[in-house]
Amino acid sequence: MKLFYITIFTFFIMNLNHAQSKKNVFFDQQTLITKFHTIDELENLKKGELINLYIARVKEITTVLPYLALTNEAGVTLSDIGIKESPDHLKSLGKHHEITAEAVESSTDLVSEFIPYADTEKIVWTILYFEEVIKKIRIGANGNF
């Protein structure tokens, strides 16, 4: 049953990344996590739920990190930051979206296969760490959160 949920979650992530690649944005709002957790909240979750949170945080970091020097906001297009939407630029962005989708899928597979063997407290610690990284990413160079 756990494998079924992980497969469904993986399919969902692949669809989000595929939909993202059709737009001329660096990344969209669906890529971003919507909730940060406390240690108490995480300690009350089952390992499968923790793994899904883990995967979502890896996805956001993997997707957003390459664009930090350009933007930390979802929905920003090339033209929004003054980059001409030429065929070459759009091709490069589309190619990067494809590669990112493959990387996220590969990471999801790896996490789904190996992280269940990790101690629950280490999974909790890692999720909290990822969330701190995401908060720093969202604050950005100008401090807007």
Foldseek 3Di string as FASTA:
>chain_A
DLVVVLVVLLVVLLVLLVVQLVDQWLAAPVLDDDDDDDLVVLVPDDPSVLLSLVLSLVSNCLSQVVCQVPDLDHPDGCVNRPHDPDPVSSVVSSVVSVVSSVVSSVVSVVSSPPVVPPDSVVSSVVSNVSVVVNVDSCLGPVGND
